[in-house]
Amino acid sequence: MVVLGRLGELPFRVQSKKIRRQLSKIIDASSQILYSDISLDRNQSIVVPGQIIFDGIPSTAMVAAGATVFSVALKPINDLVNSYIVPKAVTA
């Protein structure tokens, strides 16, 4: 099973030069983290693919458990990335 986590978009504002640099360092350093392959997609979204291998056809519970393991393992990285991303303004 392949899981893809989208952690956010790389900001483009002029004021975001430092933030872009910091996020780029995180993405580059991800190669040192076991089971982590953080990259940018063509839309400049920060993505983390993961692969979970099952013996045979997994049950729904096994798929949910596998996705949970992936999510929990990436939570520290997600928190770090999101600490740099400024939320978009909400319009009514």
PDB file of N, CA and C in Angstrom:
ATOM      1  N   MET A   1       0.858  -1.160   0.000  1.00  0.00           N
ATOM      2  CA  MET A   1       0.000   0.000   0.000  1.00  0.00           C
ATOM      3  C   MET A   1       0.910   1.230   0.000  1.00  0.00           C
ATOM      4  N   VAL A   2       0.574   2.197  -0.797  1.00  0.00           N
ATOM      5  CA  VAL A   2       1.326   3.445  -0.855  1.00  0.00           C
ATOM      6  C   VAL A   2       0.479   4.547  -0.214  1.00  0.00           C
ATOM      7  N   VAL A   3       1.097   5.280   0.697  1.00  0.00           N
ATOM      8  CA  VAL A   3       0.439   6.388   1.389  1.00  0.00           C
ATOM      9  C   VAL A   3       1.195   7.656   1.019  1.00  0.00           C
ATOM     10  N   LEU A   4       0.452   8.712   0.740  1.00  0.00           N
ATOM     11  CA  LEU A   4       1.092   9.986   0.404  1.00  0.00           C
ATOM     12  C   LEU A   4       0.590  11.059   1.355  1.00  0.00           C
ATOM     13  N   GLY A   5       1.523  11.644   2.096  1.00  0.00           N
ATOM     14  CA  GLY A   5       1.174  12.722   3.012  1.00  0.00           C
ATOM     15  C   GLY A   5       1.535  14.063   2.398  1.00  0.00           C
ATOM     16  N   ARG A   6       0.595  14.994   2.390  1.00  0.00           N
ATOM     17  CA  ARG A   6       0.859  16.361   1.927  1.00  0.00           C
ATOM     18  C   ARG A   6       0.990  17.235   3.166  1.00  0.00           C
ATOM     19  N   LEU A   7       2.182  17.777   3.365  1.00  0.00           N
ATOM     20  CA  LEU A   7       2.464  18.537   4.583  1.00  0.00           C
ATOM     21  C   LEU A   7       2.194  20.028   4.450  1.00  0.00           C
ATOM     22  N   GLY A   8       1.999  20.512   3.256  1.00  0.00           N
ATOM     23  CA  GLY A   8       1.736  21.929   3.038  1.00  0.00           C
ATOM     24  C   GLY A   8       2.446  22.410   1.792  1.00  0.00           C
ATOM     25  N   GLU A   9       2.251  23.675   1.475  1.00  0.00           N
ATOM     26  CA  GLU A   9       2.857  24.252   0.286  1.00  0.00           C
ATOM     27  C   GLU A   9       4.051  25.120   0.666  1.00  0.00           C
ATOM     28  N   LEU A  10       5.053  25.126  -0.196  1.00  0.00           N
ATOM     29  CA  LEU A  10       6.206  25.993  -0.008  1.00  0.00           C
ATOM     30  C   LEU A  10       5.749  27.423  -0.300  1.00  0.00           C
ATOM     31  N   PRO A  11       5.901  28.341   0.645  1.00  0.00           N
ATOM     32  CA  PRO A  11       5.414  29.715   0.433  1.00  0.00           C
ATOM     33  C   PRO A  11       6.219  30.460  -0.628  1.00  0.00           C
ATOM     34  N   PHE A  12       5.541  31.376  -1.336  1.00  0.00           N
ATOM     35  CA  PHE A  12       6.178  32.116  -2.423  1.00  0.00           C
ATOM     36  C   PHE A  12       6.325  33.604  -2.157  1.00  0.00           C
ATOM     37  N   ARG A  13       5.740  34.110  -1.092  1.00  0.00           N
ATOM     38  CA  ARG A  13       5.802  35.549  -0.827  1.00  0.00           C
ATOM     39  C   ARG A  13       7.244  36.019  -0.649  1.00  0.00           C
ATOM     40  N   VAL A  14       7.486  37.268  -0.991  1.00  0.00           N
ATOM     41  CA  VAL A  14       8.823  37.846  -0.850  1.00  0.00           C
ATOM     42  C   VAL A  14       9.302  37.736   0.595  1.00  0.00           C
ATOM     43  N   GLN A  15       8.384  37.935   1.543  1.00  0.00           N
ATOM     44  CA  GLN A  15       8.740  37.875   2.953  1.00  0.00           C
ATOM     45  C   GLN A  15       9.098  36.456   3.391  1.00  0.00           C
ATOM     46  N   SER A  16       8.823  35.470   2.559  1.00  0.00           N
ATOM     47  CA  SER A  16       8.994  34.072   2.927  1.00  0.00           C
ATOM     48  C   SER A  16      10.344  33.491   2.527  1.00  0.00           C
ATOM     49  N   LYS A  17      11.279  34.334   2.111  1.00  0.00           N
ATOM     50  CA  LYS A  17      12.577  33.828   1.655  1.00  0.00           C
ATOM     51  C   LYS A  17      13.257  32.978   2.735  1.00  0.00           C
ATOM     52  N   LYS A  18      13.257  33.453   3.979  1.00  0.00           N
ATOM     53  CA  LYS A  18      13.875  32.713   5.079  1.00  0.00           C
ATOM     54  C   LYS A  18      13.115  31.408   5.340  1.00  0.00           C
ATOM     55  N   ILE A  19      11.808  31.472   5.297  1.00  0.00           N
ATOM     56  CA  ILE A  19      10.988  30.274   5.521  1.00  0.00           C
ATOM     57  C   ILE A  19      11.246  29.238   4.432  1.00  0.00           C
ATOM     58  N   ARG A  20      11.306  29.686   3.170  1.00  0.00           N
ATOM     59  CA  ARG A  20      11.603  28.760   2.064  1.00  0.00           C
ATOM     60  C   ARG A  20      12.960  28.096   2.278  1.00  0.00           C
ATOM     61  N   ARG A  21      13.946  28.867   2.727  1.00  0.00           N
ATOM     62  CA  ARG A  21      15.282  28.329   2.968  1.00  0.00           C
ATOM     63  C   ARG A  21      15.243  27.265   4.074  1.00  0.00           C
ATOM     64  N   GLN A  22      14.546  27.571   5.166  1.00  0.00           N
ATOM     65  CA  GLN A  22      14.449  26.624   6.286  1.00  0.00           C
ATOM     66  C   GLN A  22      13.730  25.340   5.858  1.00  0.00           C
ATOM     67  N   LEU A  23      12.626  25.480   5.123  1.00  0.00           N
ATOM     68  CA  LEU A  23      11.895  24.296   4.659  1.00  0.00           C
ATOM     69  C   LEU A  23      12.737  23.486   3.677  1.00  0.00           C
ATOM     70  N   SER A  24      13.509  24.155   2.848  1.00  0.00           N
ATOM     71  CA  SER A  24      14.392  23.443   1.918  1.00  0.00           C
ATOM     72  C   SER A  24      15.433  22.634   2.686  1.00  0.00           C
ATOM     73  N   LYS A  25      15.939  23.178   3.785  1.00  0.00           N
ATOM     74  CA  LYS A  25      16.897  22.444   4.614  1.00  0.00           C
ATOM     75  C   LYS A  25      16.255  21.193   5.217  1.00  0.00           C
ATOM     76  N   ILE A  26      15.005  21.330   5.663  1.00  0.00           N
ATOM     77  CA  ILE A  26      14.289  20.180   6.218  1.00  0.00           C
ATOM     78  C   ILE A  26      14.113  19.107   5.144  1.00  0.00           C
ATOM     79  N   ILE A  27      13.707  19.529   3.960  1.00  0.00           N
ATOM     80  CA  ILE A  27      13.504  18.581   2.855  1.00  0.00           C
ATOM     81  C   ILE A  27      14.821  17.888   2.516  1.00  0.00           C
ATOM     82  N   ASP A  28      15.904  18.643   2.431  1.00  0.00           N
ATOM     83  CA  ASP A  28      17.218  18.062   2.125  1.00  0.00           C
ATOM     84  C   ASP A  28      17.671  17.100   3.225  1.00  0.00           C
ATOM     85  N   ALA A  29      17.433  17.451   4.476  1.00  0.00           N
ATOM     86  CA  ALA A  29      17.865  16.619   5.595  1.00  0.00           C
ATOM     87  C   ALA A  29      17.033  15.352   5.735  1.00  0.00           C
ATOM     88  N   SER A  30      15.875  15.310   5.118  1.00  0.00           N
ATOM     89  CA  SER A  30      14.989  14.152   5.268  1.00  0.00           C
ATOM     90  C   SER A  30      15.623  12.861   4.755  1.00  0.00           C
ATOM     91  N   SER A  31      16.613  12.978   3.888  1.00  0.00           N
ATOM     92  CA  SER A  31      17.265  11.770   3.390  1.00  0.00           C
ATOM     93  C   SER A  31      17.989  11.027   4.512  1.00  0.00           C
ATOM     94  N   GLN A  32      18.250  11.710   5.628  1.00  0.00           N
ATOM     95  CA  GLN A  32      18.919  11.094   6.767  1.00  0.00           C
ATOM     96  C   GLN A  32      17.939  10.420   7.731  1.00  0.00           C
ATOM     97  N   ILE A  33      16.637  10.586   7.486  1.00  0.00           N
ATOM     98  CA  ILE A  33      15.613  10.033   8.372  1.00  0.00           C
ATOM     99  C   ILE A  33      15.115   8.726   7.781  1.00  0.00           C
ATOM    100  N   LEU A  34      15.132   7.677   8.581  1.00  0.00           N
ATOM    101  CA  LEU A  34      14.691   6.364   8.145  1.00  0.00           C
ATOM    102  C   LEU A  34      13.239   6.411   7.664  1.00  0.00           C
ATOM    103  N   TYR A  35      12.971   5.801   6.537  1.00  0.00           N
ATOM    104  CA  TYR A  35      11.634   5.711   5.938  1.00  0.00           C
ATOM    105  C   TYR A  35      11.055   7.060   5.536  1.00  0.00           C
ATOM    106  N   SER A  36      11.889   8.044   5.323  1.00  0.00           N
ATOM    107  CA  SER A  36      11.393   9.364   4.964  1.00  0.00           C
ATOM    108  C   SER A  36      11.957   9.779   3.616  1.00  0.00           C
ATOM    109  N   ASP A  37      11.106  10.287   2.775  1.00  0.00           N
ATOM    110  CA  ASP A  37      11.516  10.755   1.457  1.00  0.00           C
ATOM    111  C   ASP A  37      10.718  12.012   1.142  1.00  0.00           C
ATOM    112  N   ILE A  38      10.982  13.080   1.891  1.00  0.00           N
ATOM    113  CA  ILE A  38      10.244  14.324   1.702  1.00  0.00           C
ATOM    114  C   ILE A  38      10.723  14.988   0.418  1.00  0.00           C
ATOM    115  N   SER A  39       9.777  15.469  -0.362  1.00  0.00           N
ATOM    116  CA  SER A  39      10.138  16.146  -1.611  1.00  0.00           C
ATOM    117  C   SER A  39       9.075  17.185  -1.950  1.00  0.00           C
ATOM    118  N   LEU A  40       9.311  17.901  -3.029  1.00  0.00           N
ATOM    119  CA  LEU A  40       8.336  18.860  -3.549  1.00  0.00           C
ATOM    120  C   LEU A  40       7.729  18.279  -4.811  1.00  0.00           C
ATOM    121  N   ASP A  41       6.412  18.386  -4.930  1.00  0.00           N
ATOM    122  CA  ASP A  41       5.792  17.946  -6.178  1.00  0.00           C
ATOM    123  C   ASP A  41       5.790  19.112  -7.167  1.00  0.00           C
ATOM    124  N   ARG A  42       5.221  18.921  -8.329  1.00  0.00           N
ATOM    125  CA  ARG A  42       5.262  19.965  -9.361  1.00  0.00           C
ATOM    126  C   ARG A  42       4.476  21.215  -8.989  1.00  0.00           C
ATOM    127  N   ASN A  43       3.589  21.106  -7.975  1.00  0.00           N
ATOM    128  CA  ASN A  43       2.825  22.264  -7.509  1.00  0.00           C
ATOM    129  C   ASN A  43       3.461  22.926  -6.288  1.00  0.00           C
ATOM    130  N   GLN A  44       4.714  22.530  -5.963  1.00  0.00           N
ATOM    131  CA  GLN A  44       5.442  23.054  -4.816  1.00  0.00           C
ATOM    132  C   GLN A  44       4.794  22.678  -3.486  1.00  0.00           C
ATOM    133  N   SER A  45       4.071  21.558  -3.468  1.00  0.00           N
ATOM    134  CA  SER A  45       3.551  21.012  -2.217  1.00  0.00           C
ATOM    135  C   SER A  45       4.608  20.098  -1.626  1.00  0.00           C
ATOM    136  N   ILE A  46       4.760  20.144  -0.314  1.00  0.00           N
ATOM    137  CA  ILE A  46       5.711  19.278   0.372  1.00  0.00           C
ATOM    138  C   ILE A  46       5.015  17.939   0.594  1.00  0.00           C
ATOM    139  N   VAL A  47       5.569  16.879   0.032  1.00  0.00           N
ATOM    140  CA  VAL A  47       4.928  15.569   0.097  1.00  0.00           C
ATOM    141  C   VAL A  47       5.873  14.526   0.700  1.00  0.00           C
ATOM    142  N   VAL A  48       5.266  13.535   1.333  1.00  0.00           N
ATOM    143  CA  VAL A  48       6.015  12.424   1.913  1.00  0.00           C
ATOM    144  C   VAL A  48       5.321  11.125   1.504  1.00  0.00           C
ATOM    145  N   PRO A  49       5.920  10.384   0.576  1.00  0.00           N
ATOM    146  CA  PRO A  49       5.328   9.092   0.223  1.00  0.00           C
ATOM    147  C   PRO A  49       5.788   8.016   1.198  1.00  0.00           C
ATOM    148  N   GLY A  50       4.958   7.046   1.412  1.00  0.00           N
ATOM    149  CA  GLY A  50       5.323   5.913   2.263  1.00  0.00           C
ATOM    150  C   GLY A  50       4.770   4.635   1.671  1.00  0.00           C
ATOM    151  N   GLN A  51       5.445   3.555   1.906  1.00  0.00           N
ATOM    152  CA  GLN A  51       4.990   2.272   1.394  1.00  0.00           C
ATOM    153  C   GLN A  51       4.886   1.299   2.553  1.00  0.00           C
ATOM    154  N   ILE A  52       3.753   0.625   2.624  1.00  0.00           N
ATOM    155  CA  ILE A  52       3.522  -0.358   3.665  1.00  0.00           C
ATOM    156  C   ILE A  52       3.288  -1.692   2.968  1.00  0.00           C
ATOM    157  N   ILE A  53       4.092  -2.677   3.325  1.00  0.00           N
ATOM    158  CA  ILE A  53       4.011  -3.974   2.661  1.00  0.00           C
ATOM    159  C   ILE A  53       3.291  -4.970   3.571  1.00  0.00           C
ATOM    160  N   PHE A  54       2.301  -5.631   3.009  1.00  0.00           N
ATOM    161  CA  PHE A  54       1.535  -6.636   3.732  1.00  0.00           C
ATOM    162  C   PHE A  54       1.781  -8.000   3.102  1.00  0.00           C
ATOM    163  N   ASP A  55       1.693  -9.036   3.901  1.00  0.00           N
ATOM    164  CA  ASP A  55       1.723 -10.399   3.375  1.00  0.00           C
ATOM    165  C   ASP A  55       0.302 -10.745   2.955  1.00  0.00           C
ATOM    166  N   GLY A  56       0.065 -10.862   1.680  1.00  0.00           N
ATOM    167  CA  GLY A  56      -1.276 -11.182   1.193  1.00  0.00           C
ATOM    168  C   GLY A  56      -2.167  -9.954   1.141  1.00  0.00           C
ATOM    169  N   ILE A  57      -3.454 -10.197   1.079  1.00  0.00           N
ATOM    170  CA  ILE A  57      -4.445  -9.117   1.017  1.00  0.00           C
ATOM    171  C   ILE A  57      -4.787  -8.697   2.448  1.00  0.00           C
ATOM    172  N   PRO A  58      -4.531  -7.430   2.775  1.00  0.00           N
ATOM    173  CA  PRO A  58      -4.762  -6.985   4.162  1.00  0.00           C
ATOM    174  C   PRO A  58      -6.244  -6.740   4.436  1.00  0.00           C
ATOM    175  N   SER A  59      -6.604  -6.918   5.688  1.00  0.00           N
ATOM    176  CA  SER A  59      -7.965  -6.584   6.112  1.00  0.00           C
ATOM    177  C   SER A  59      -8.077  -5.069   6.237  1.00  0.00           C
ATOM    178  N   THR A  60      -9.280  -4.580   6.368  1.00  0.00           N
ATOM    179  CA  THR A  60      -9.499  -3.145   6.557  1.00  0.00           C
ATOM    180  C   THR A  60      -8.775  -2.658   7.809  1.00  0.00           C
ATOM    181  N   ALA A  61      -8.804  -3.456   8.862  1.00  0.00           N
ATOM    182  CA  ALA A  61      -8.135  -3.078  10.109  1.00  0.00           C
ATOM    183  C   ALA A  61      -6.621  -2.981   9.913  1.00  0.00           C
ATOM    184  N   MET A  62      -6.042  -3.881   9.121  1.00  0.00           N
ATOM    185  CA  MET A  62      -4.600  -3.839   8.869  1.00  0.00           C
ATOM    186  C   MET A  62      -4.222  -2.610   8.048  1.00  0.00           C
ATOM    187  N   VAL A  63      -5.057  -2.245   7.081  1.00  0.00           N
ATOM    188  CA  VAL A  63      -4.801  -1.044   6.279  1.00  0.00           C
ATOM    189  C   VAL A  63      -4.850   0.193   7.178  1.00  0.00           C
ATOM    190  N   ALA A  64      -5.860   0.254   8.040  1.00  0.00           N
ATOM    191  CA  ALA A  64      -5.993   1.385   8.962  1.00  0.00           C
ATOM    192  C   ALA A  64      -4.798   1.438   9.914  1.00  0.00           C
ATOM    193  N   ALA A  65      -4.371   0.287  10.406  1.00  0.00           N
ATOM    194  CA  ALA A  65      -3.223   0.238  11.313  1.00  0.00           C
ATOM    195  C   ALA A  65      -1.951   0.685  10.592  1.00  0.00           C
ATOM    196  N   GLY A  66      -1.775   0.249   9.357  1.00  0.00           N
ATOM    197  CA  GLY A  66      -0.596   0.646   8.584  1.00  0.00           C
ATOM    198  C   GLY A  66      -0.558   2.141   8.335  1.00  0.00           C
ATOM    199  N   ALA A  67      -1.700   2.718   7.974  1.00  0.00           N
ATOM    200  CA  ALA A  67      -1.773   4.160   7.743  1.00  0.00           C
ATOM    201  C   ALA A  67      -1.519   4.931   9.040  1.00  0.00           C
ATOM    202  N   THR A  68      -1.968   4.388  10.151  1.00  0.00           N
ATOM    203  CA  THR A  68      -1.749   5.027  11.446  1.00  0.00           C
ATOM    204  C   THR A  68      -0.268   5.028  11.803  1.00  0.00           C
ATOM    205  N   VAL A  69       0.402   3.917  11.575  1.00  0.00           N
ATOM    206  CA  VAL A  69       1.842   3.835  11.853  1.00  0.00           C
ATOM    207  C   VAL A  69       2.583   4.877  11.033  1.00  0.00           C
ATOM    208  N   PHE A  70       2.236   5.004   9.758  1.00  0.00           N
ATOM    209  CA  PHE A  70       2.855   5.997   8.874  1.00  0.00           C
ATOM    210  C   PHE A  70       2.623   7.404   9.418  1.00  0.00           C
ATOM    211  N   SER A  71       1.385   7.697   9.793  1.00  0.00           N
ATOM    212  CA  SER A  71       1.032   9.034  10.296  1.00  0.00           C
ATOM    213  C   SER A  71       1.760   9.367  11.593  1.00  0.00           C
ATOM    214  N   VAL A  72       1.805   8.419  12.505  1.00  0.00           N
ATOM    215  CA  VAL A  72       2.463   8.657  13.791  1.00  0.00           C
ATOM    216  C   VAL A  72       3.965   8.854  13.593  1.00  0.00           C
ATOM    217  N   ALA A  73       4.568   8.072  12.709  1.00  0.00           N
ATOM    218  CA  ALA A  73       6.006   8.190  12.461  1.00  0.00           C
ATOM    219  C   ALA A  73       6.362   9.556  11.882  1.00  0.00           C
ATOM    220  N   LEU A  74       5.465  10.127  11.086  1.00  0.00           N
ATOM    221  CA  LEU A  74       5.753  11.411  10.440  1.00  0.00           C
ATOM    222  C   LEU A  74       5.274  12.628  11.221  1.00  0.00           C
ATOM    223  N   LYS A  75       4.612  12.415  12.354  1.00  0.00           N
ATOM    224  CA  LYS A  75       4.079  13.552  13.108  1.00  0.00           C
ATOM    225  C   LYS A  75       5.151  14.578  13.488  1.00  0.00           C
ATOM    226  N   PRO A  76       6.326  14.172  13.977  1.00  0.00           N
ATOM    227  CA  PRO A  76       7.343  15.191  14.312  1.00  0.00           C
ATOM    228  C   PRO A  76       7.775  16.013  13.094  1.00  0.00           C
ATOM    229  N   ILE A  77       7.902  15.365  11.947  1.00  0.00           N
ATOM    230  CA  ILE A  77       8.275  16.083  10.731  1.00  0.00           C
ATOM    231  C   ILE A  77       7.143  17.015  10.315  1.00  0.00           C
ATOM    232  N   ASN A  78       5.922  16.524  10.389  1.00  0.00           N
ATOM    233  CA  ASN A  78       4.762  17.341  10.046  1.00  0.00           C
ATOM    234  C   ASN A  78       4.690  18.574  10.946  1.00  0.00           C
ATOM    235  N   ASP A  79       4.895  18.383  12.241  1.00  0.00           N
ATOM    236  CA  ASP A  79       4.857  19.508  13.177  1.00  0.00           C
ATOM    237  C   ASP A  79       5.953  20.526  12.860  1.00  0.00           C
ATOM    238  N   LEU A  80       7.154  20.036  12.541  1.00  0.00           N
ATOM    239  CA  LEU A  80       8.267  20.926  12.210  1.00  0.00           C
ATOM    240  C   LEU A  80       7.962  21.729  10.947  1.00  0.00           C
ATOM    241  N   VAL A  81       7.500  21.062   9.902  1.00  0.00           N
ATOM    242  CA  VAL A  81       7.170  21.753   8.652  1.00  0.00           C
ATOM    243  C   VAL A  81       6.063  22.768   8.884  1.00  0.00           C
ATOM    244  N   ASN A  82       5.025  22.359   9.603  1.00  0.00           N
ATOM    245  CA  ASN A  82       3.894  23.264   9.825  1.00  0.00           C
ATOM    246  C   ASN A  82       4.237  24.443  10.729  1.00  0.00           C
ATOM    247  N   SER A  83       5.310  24.337  11.507  1.00  0.00           N
ATOM    248  CA  SER A  83       5.706  25.484  12.324  1.00  0.00           C
ATOM    249  C   SER A  83       6.249  26.619  11.456  1.00  0.00           C
ATOM    250  N   TYR A  84       6.648  26.308  10.223  1.00  0.00           N
ATOM    251  CA  TYR A  84       7.161  27.321   9.301  1.00  0.00           C
ATOM    252  C   TYR A  84       6.109  27.833   8.324  1.00  0.00           C
ATOM    253  N   ILE A  85       5.068  27.058   8.102  1.00  0.00           N
ATOM    254  CA  ILE A  85       4.068  27.439   7.099  1.00  0.00           C
ATOM    255  C   ILE A  85       3.028  28.346   7.731  1.00  0.00           C
ATOM    256  N   VAL A  86       2.858  29.508   7.133  1.00  0.00           N
ATOM    257  CA  VAL A  86       1.859  30.474   7.594  1.00  0.00           C
ATOM    258  C   VAL A  86       0.537  30.113   6.935  1.00  0.00           C
ATOM    259  N   PRO A  87      -0.529  29.925   7.730  1.00  0.00           N
ATOM    260  CA  PRO A  87      -1.812  29.573   7.133  1.00  0.00           C
ATOM    261  C   PRO A  87      -2.308  30.655   6.179  1.00  0.00           C
ATOM    262  N   LYS A  88      -3.001  30.213   5.128  1.00  0.00           N
ATOM    263  CA  LYS A  88      -3.592  31.168   4.180  1.00  0.00           C
ATOM    264  C   LYS A  88      -4.740  31.882   4.872  1.00  0.00           C
ATOM    265  N   ALA A  89      -4.960  33.110   4.479  1.00  0.00           N
ATOM    266  CA  ALA A  89      -6.051  33.889   5.068  1.00  0.00           C
ATOM    267  C   ALA A  89      -7.391  33.252   4.668  1.00  0.00           C
ATOM    268  N   VAL A  90      -8.276  33.195   5.624  1.00  0.00           N
ATOM    269  CA  VAL A  90      -9.610  32.638   5.383  1.00  0.00           C
ATOM    270  C   VAL A  90     -10.505  33.764   4.905  1.00  0.00           C
ATOM    271  N   THR A  91     -11.162  33.536   3.769  1.00  0.00           N
ATOM    272  CA  THR A  91     -12.077  34.545   3.252  1.00  0.00           C
ATOM    273  C   THR A  91     -13.489  34.051   3.388  1.00  0.00           C
ATOM    274  N   ALA A  92     -14.384  34.960   3.731  1.00  0.00           N
ATOM    275  CA  ALA A  92     -15.785  34.582   3.922  1.00  0.00           C
ATOM    276  C   ALA A  92     -16.578  34.799   2.678  1.00  0.00           C
TER     277      ALA A  92
END
